[in-house]
């Protein structure tokens, strides 16, 4: 073998190794993205769930990763499959990512993923027909082919890195918010709005409303107290509000007004539109 041909075959071998390494980096990125695609659980088991999910991804083939990437991140319709906690008394949370792409962009990305998988399979399992170390033209063609493959891999690596960075930044922002005072207040508001007390008040307000749409809060409170006195009795300890009126304001689900009477005023409430 002359020096020029030997240099060319060495170049092909180097480029094969380069592309294999780039492919592994892309595969690692896909696994990292899928690892963040769904975070769920209770405060006691969320870390274990995430660790188990990531462990399962380490042994998933490129084809399996691609299918999971499509179904979890690129699907047109959400199809959540949460594994509910064994203990329903523990707060359970679930966060899932989905990239809402234009149809043409999504189709292009899916096509690029197909090409990526095909390139990886060819390089790892079917490159031998291109390996003709006694033919300078075949080696030159193989070298050019590997360069074109590299460009495709780098383009996918750049896109996946951007997607992973966006997901990580979003999760960090969410973590910062939920651990802040504003996040705690938002959780409390969600809890209040979905509480049994507010549920009862909604129903009573609708049932007792006057022709003008308003309901006497004192009358509604009496009815709720007869139906479930414990709901009212616990409001101070749970929500920090002594009066039902203050709790109604805090919920943000009702309009509140004061009606003048000969001997004073009466508090009226009505369910807000869309509440």
Protein backbone atom coordinates (compact mmCIF):
# COMPACT_ATOMS: atom_id res chain seq x y z
CA UNK A 1 0.00 0.00 0.00
CA UNK A 2 1.50 3.35 -0.98
CA UNK A 3 1.71 6.25 1.46
CA UNK A 4 -1.19 8.20 -0.08
CA UNK A 5 -3.57 5.27 0.14
CA UNK A 6 -2.43 4.44 3.68
CA UNK A 7 -3.04 8.05 4.70
CA UNK A 8 -6.51 7.89 3.16
CA UNK A 9 -7.44 4.65 4.97
CA UNK A 10 -6.13 6.07 8.26
CA UNK A 11 -8.28 9.14 7.65
CA UNK A 12 -11.39 6.98 7.15
CA UNK A 13 -10.66 5.07 10.36
CA UNK A 14 -10.25 8.32 12.29
CA UNK A 15 -13.48 9.71 10.88
CA UNK A 16 -15.32 6.49 11.76
CA UNK A 17 -14.18 6.83 15.36
CA UNK A 18 -15.07 10.52 15.37
CA UNK A 19 -18.59 9.86 14.11
CA UNK A 20 -19.13 6.98 16.52
CA UNK A 21 -18.19 9.28 19.39
CA UNK A 22 -20.48 12.04 18.10
CA UNK A 23 -23.31 9.53 17.81
CA UNK A 24 -22.78 8.52 21.42
CA UNK A 25 -22.92 12.16 22.46
CA UNK A 26 -26.23 12.60 20.61
CA UNK A 27 -27.60 9.42 22.18
CA UNK A 28 -26.55 10.69 25.60
CA UNK A 29 -28.37 13.97 24.92
CA UNK A 30 -31.56 12.16 23.91
CA UNK A 31 -31.40 10.14 27.13
CA UNK A 32 -30.83 13.32 29.13
CA UNK A 33 -33.84 14.98 27.46
CA UNK A 34 -36.07 11.97 28.07
CA UNK A 35 -34.84 11.83 31.64
CA UNK A 36 -36.26 15.32 32.20
CA UNK A 37 -39.36 14.79 30.07
CA UNK A 38 -41.41 13.56 33.01
CA UNK A 39 -40.81 14.23 36.70
CA UNK A 40 -43.46 12.97 39.07
CA UNK A 41 -44.11 11.54 42.50
CA UNK A 42 -44.44 12.54 46.12
CA UNK A 43 -41.81 14.30 48.17
CA UNK A 44 -40.70 10.91 49.46
CA UNK A 45 -40.47 8.95 46.20
CA UNK A 46 -39.95 11.48 43.37
CA UNK A 47 -36.16 11.07 43.45
CA UNK A 48 -36.44 7.27 43.31
CA UNK A 49 -38.92 7.46 40.42
CA UNK A 50 -36.59 9.77 38.48
CA UNK A 51 -33.60 7.51 39.15
CA UNK A 52 -35.55 4.45 37.96
CA UNK A 53 -36.64 6.26 34.79
CA UNK A 54 -33.09 7.30 33.98
CA UNK A 55 -31.77 3.81 34.70
CA UNK A 56 -34.26 2.32 32.24
CA UNK A 57 -33.12 4.77 29.57
CA UNK A 58 -29.48 3.69 29.84
CA UNK A 59 -30.28 0.29 28.34
CA UNK A 60 -32.75 1.51 25.70
CA UNK A 61 -31.68 1.17 22.07
CA UNK A 62 -31.45 4.15 19.74
CA UNK A 63 -34.62 3.04 17.98
CA UNK A 64 -36.43 2.76 21.30
CA UNK A 65 -35.17 6.17 22.37
CA UNK A 66 -36.41 7.67 19.13
CA UNK A 67 -39.88 6.15 19.54
CA UNK A 68 -40.05 7.39 23.13
CA UNK A 69 -38.88 10.84 22.04
CA UNK A 70 -41.67 11.03 19.48
CA UNK A 71 -44.43 9.73 21.76
CA UNK A 72 -43.51 11.80 24.82
CA UNK A 73 -42.17 15.04 23.37
CA UNK A 74 -43.55 15.42 19.85
CA UNK A 75 -47.02 13.86 20.10
CA UNK A 76 -49.83 16.10 18.89
CA UNK A 77 -52.08 15.14 21.79
CA UNK A 78 -51.15 14.74 25.42
CA UNK A 79 -51.67 11.29 26.84
CA UNK A 80 -50.60 11.46 30.48
CA UNK A 81 -50.05 8.16 32.25
CA UNK A 82 -49.30 9.10 35.82
CA UNK A 83 -48.58 6.42 38.36
CA UNK A 84 -50.66 7.55 41.30
CA UNK A 85 -49.18 7.27 44.81
CA UNK A 86 -49.96 4.31 47.00
CA UNK A 87 -50.74 6.71 49.85
CA UNK A 88 -53.37 9.23 48.59
CA UNK A 89 -52.81 11.40 51.66
CA UNK A 90 -49.42 12.52 50.28
CA UNK A 91 -49.30 15.41 47.80
CA UNK A 92 -48.48 14.06 44.34
CA UNK A 93 -47.06 16.18 41.52
CA UNK A 94 -46.35 15.51 37.88
CA UNK A 95 -44.45 17.62 35.37
CA UNK A 96 -44.26 16.66 31.69
CA UNK A 97 -42.67 18.40 28.71
CA UNK A 98 -44.01 18.50 25.17
CA UNK A 99 -42.61 20.52 22.25
CA UNK A 100 -45.43 22.12 20.30
CA UNK A 101 -43.89 22.38 16.84
CA UNK A 102 -45.35 23.43 13.53
CA UNK A 103 -46.30 20.41 11.43
CA UNK A 104 -43.50 20.95 8.91
CA UNK A 105 -40.91 21.44 11.66
CA UNK A 106 -42.08 18.35 13.54
CA UNK A 107 -42.01 16.24 10.38
CA UNK A 108 -38.52 17.49 9.53
CA UNK A 109 -37.27 16.68 13.03
CA UNK A 110 -38.78 13.19 12.88
CA UNK A 111 -37.16 12.62 9.48
CA UNK A 112 -33.81 13.79 10.85
CA UNK A 113 -34.19 11.36 13.76
CA UNK A 114 -34.81 8.55 11.28
CA UNK A 115 -31.67 9.49 9.37
CA UNK A 116 -29.70 9.73 12.60
CA UNK A 117 -30.71 6.20 13.61
CA UNK A 118 -29.97 4.87 10.13
CA UNK A 119 -26.54 6.54 10.12
CA UNK A 120 -25.71 5.11 13.52
CA UNK A 121 -26.76 1.60 12.47
CA UNK A 122 -24.81 1.82 9.25
CA UNK A 123 -21.67 3.03 11.00
CA UNK A 124 -21.84 0.41 13.75
CA UNK A 125 -23.09 -2.58 11.75
CA UNK A 126 -23.05 -2.02 7.98
CA UNK A 127 -20.02 0.08 7.12
CA UNK A 128 -17.92 -2.86 5.92
CA UNK A 129 -19.03 -2.62 2.25
CA UNK A 130 -17.58 0.90 2.18
CA UNK A 131 -14.30 -0.31 3.62
CA UNK A 132 -12.12 -1.08 0.60
CA UNK A 133 -8.57 -0.24 1.70
CA UNK A 134 -7.05 -1.23 -1.67
CA UNK A 135 -9.17 1.31 -3.60
CA UNK A 136 -8.26 4.96 -3.35
CA UNK A 137 -11.53 6.05 -4.95
CA UNK A 138 -13.60 3.91 -2.55
CA UNK A 139 -11.72 5.31 0.46
CA UNK A 140 -12.14 8.86 -0.81
CA UNK A 141 -15.85 8.23 -1.23
CA UNK A 142 -16.07 6.72 2.27
CA UNK A 143 -14.24 9.74 3.71
CA UNK A 144 -16.64 12.18 2.03
CA UNK A 145 -19.59 10.10 3.20
CA UNK A 146 -18.35 10.25 6.79
CA UNK A 147 -17.94 14.03 6.55
CA UNK A 148 -21.53 14.41 5.35
CA UNK A 149 -22.66 12.14 8.16
CA UNK A 150 -20.74 14.28 10.65
CA UNK A 151 -22.55 17.41 9.50
CA UNK A 152 -25.92 15.73 10.06
CA UNK A 153 -24.90 14.50 13.51
CA UNK A 154 -23.60 17.94 14.52
CA UNK A 155 -26.81 19.62 13.37
CA UNK A 156 -28.86 17.21 15.47
CA UNK A 157 -26.50 17.62 18.41
CA UNK A 158 -26.92 21.40 18.26
CA UNK A 159 -30.72 21.14 18.17
CA UNK A 160 -30.93 18.58 20.97
CA UNK A 161 -28.53 20.58 23.13
CA UNK A 162 -30.76 23.63 22.70
CA UNK A 163 -33.86 21.59 23.63
CA UNK A 164 -32.15 20.13 26.70
CA UNK A 165 -31.00 23.58 27.81
CA UNK A 166 -34.51 24.96 27.43
CA UNK A 167 -35.97 22.10 29.49
CA UNK A 168 -33.37 22.46 32.24
CA UNK A 169 -33.93 26.22 32.40
CA UNK A 170 -37.70 25.75 32.60
CA UNK A 171 -37.39 23.19 35.40
CA UNK A 172 -35.04 25.48 37.31
CA UNK A 173 -37.47 28.39 36.94
CA UNK A 174 -40.33 26.19 38.14
CA UNK A 175 -38.26 25.01 41.10
CA UNK A 176 -37.39 28.58 42.03
CA UNK A 177 -41.04 29.61 41.84
CA UNK A 178 -42.52 26.72 43.83
CA UNK A 179 -39.91 27.15 46.55
CA UNK A 180 -40.62 30.89 46.84
CA UNK A 181 -43.24 32.70 48.92
CA UNK A 182 -45.27 33.30 45.76
CA UNK A 183 -45.15 29.59 44.97
CA UNK A 184 -46.29 28.67 48.47
CA UNK A 185 -49.14 31.15 48.18
CA UNK A 186 -50.14 29.67 44.80
CA UNK A 187 -50.22 26.16 46.28
CA UNK A 188 -52.35 27.38 49.17
CA UNK A 189 -54.75 29.08 46.77
CA UNK A 190 -55.09 25.91 44.69
CA UNK A 191 -55.75 23.94 47.85
CA UNK A 192 -58.35 26.43 49.03
CA UNK A 193 -60.14 26.62 45.68
CA UNK A 194 -60.43 22.82 45.54
CA UNK A 195 -61.38 22.41 49.21
CA UNK A 196 -64.61 20.85 50.40
CA UNK A 197 -65.63 24.14 52.05
CA UNK A 198 -65.41 26.11 48.80
CA UNK A 199 -67.10 23.27 46.91
CA UNK A 200 -70.05 23.43 49.32
CA UNK A 201 -70.15 27.20 49.15
CA UNK A 202 -70.26 27.05 45.34
CA UNK A 203 -73.26 24.73 45.40
CA UNK A 204 -75.11 26.65 48.11
CA UNK A 205 -74.48 29.99 46.39
CA UNK A 206 -76.01 28.70 43.17
CA UNK A 207 -78.95 27.06 44.94
CA UNK A 208 -79.84 30.12 47.04
CA UNK A 209 -79.15 32.93 44.61
CA UNK A 210 -81.72 35.67 44.18
CA UNK A 211 -83.16 36.70 40.82
CA UNK A 212 -80.40 39.27 40.53
CA UNK A 213 -77.77 36.50 40.91
CA UNK A 214 -76.56 37.44 44.41
CA UNK A 215 -76.68 35.28 47.55
CA UNK A 216 -76.73 36.39 51.17
CA UNK A 217 -73.40 35.18 52.59
CA UNK A 218 -74.81 34.80 56.11
CA UNK A 219 -77.62 32.59 54.78
CA UNK A 220 -75.13 30.53 52.76
CA UNK A 221 -72.88 30.15 55.81
CA UNK A 222 -75.79 28.85 57.89
CA UNK A 223 -76.63 26.24 55.26
CA UNK A 224 -73.01 25.11 54.96
CA UNK A 225 -72.78 24.92 58.75
CA UNK A 226 -75.83 22.64 58.87
CA UNK A 227 -74.50 20.42 56.10
CA UNK A 228 -70.87 20.08 57.23
CA UNK A 229 -70.04 22.07 60.37
CA UNK A 230 -66.48 20.71 60.47
CA UNK A 231 -65.62 22.43 57.19
CA UNK A 232 -66.31 25.82 58.72
CA UNK A 233 -64.79 24.98 62.07
CA UNK A 234 -61.42 24.10 60.52
CA UNK A 235 -61.08 27.20 58.36
CA UNK A 236 -59.12 29.27 60.88
CA UNK A 237 -56.56 26.57 61.61
CA UNK A 238 -56.18 25.56 57.95
CA UNK A 239 -56.37 28.86 56.07
CA UNK A 240 -55.66 31.47 58.71
CA UNK A 241 -58.93 33.34 58.18
CA UNK A 242 -61.38 33.92 61.00
CA UNK A 243 -64.35 35.01 58.90
CA UNK A 244 -65.93 33.23 55.97
CA UNK A 245 -66.05 36.57 54.17
CA UNK A 246 -62.26 36.86 54.32
CA UNK A 247 -61.94 33.30 53.01
CA UNK A 248 -64.32 34.06 50.15
CA UNK A 249 -62.17 37.04 49.18
CA UNK A 250 -59.03 34.91 49.45
CA UNK A 251 -60.39 32.23 47.13
CA UNK A 252 -60.82 34.68 44.25
CA UNK A 253 -63.78 32.67 42.97
CA UNK A 254 -66.58 35.00 44.08
CA UNK A 255 -67.71 38.54 43.56
CA UNK A 256 -68.42 40.23 46.89
CA UNK A 257 -70.66 43.24 47.51
CA UNK A 258 -72.22 45.04 50.43
CA UNK A 259 -75.97 45.75 50.38
CA UNK A 260 -77.28 48.58 52.56
CA UNK A 261 -80.12 47.77 54.92
CA UNK A 262 -82.13 50.05 57.22
CA UNK A 263 -80.16 48.80 60.20
CA UNK A 264 -76.78 48.15 58.64
CA UNK A 265 -75.34 46.17 55.70
CA UNK A 266 -75.49 42.67 54.31
CA UNK A 267 -72.67 40.86 52.50
CA UNK A 268 -73.61 39.35 49.15
CA UNK A 269 -71.63 36.93 47.03
CA UNK A 270 -71.97 35.37 43.62
CA UNK A 271 -69.86 32.91 41.71
CA UNK A 272 -67.65 34.64 39.18
CA UNK A 273 -68.20 33.81 35.54
CA UNK A 274 -65.95 30.91 34.68
CA UNK A 275 -65.36 30.18 38.38
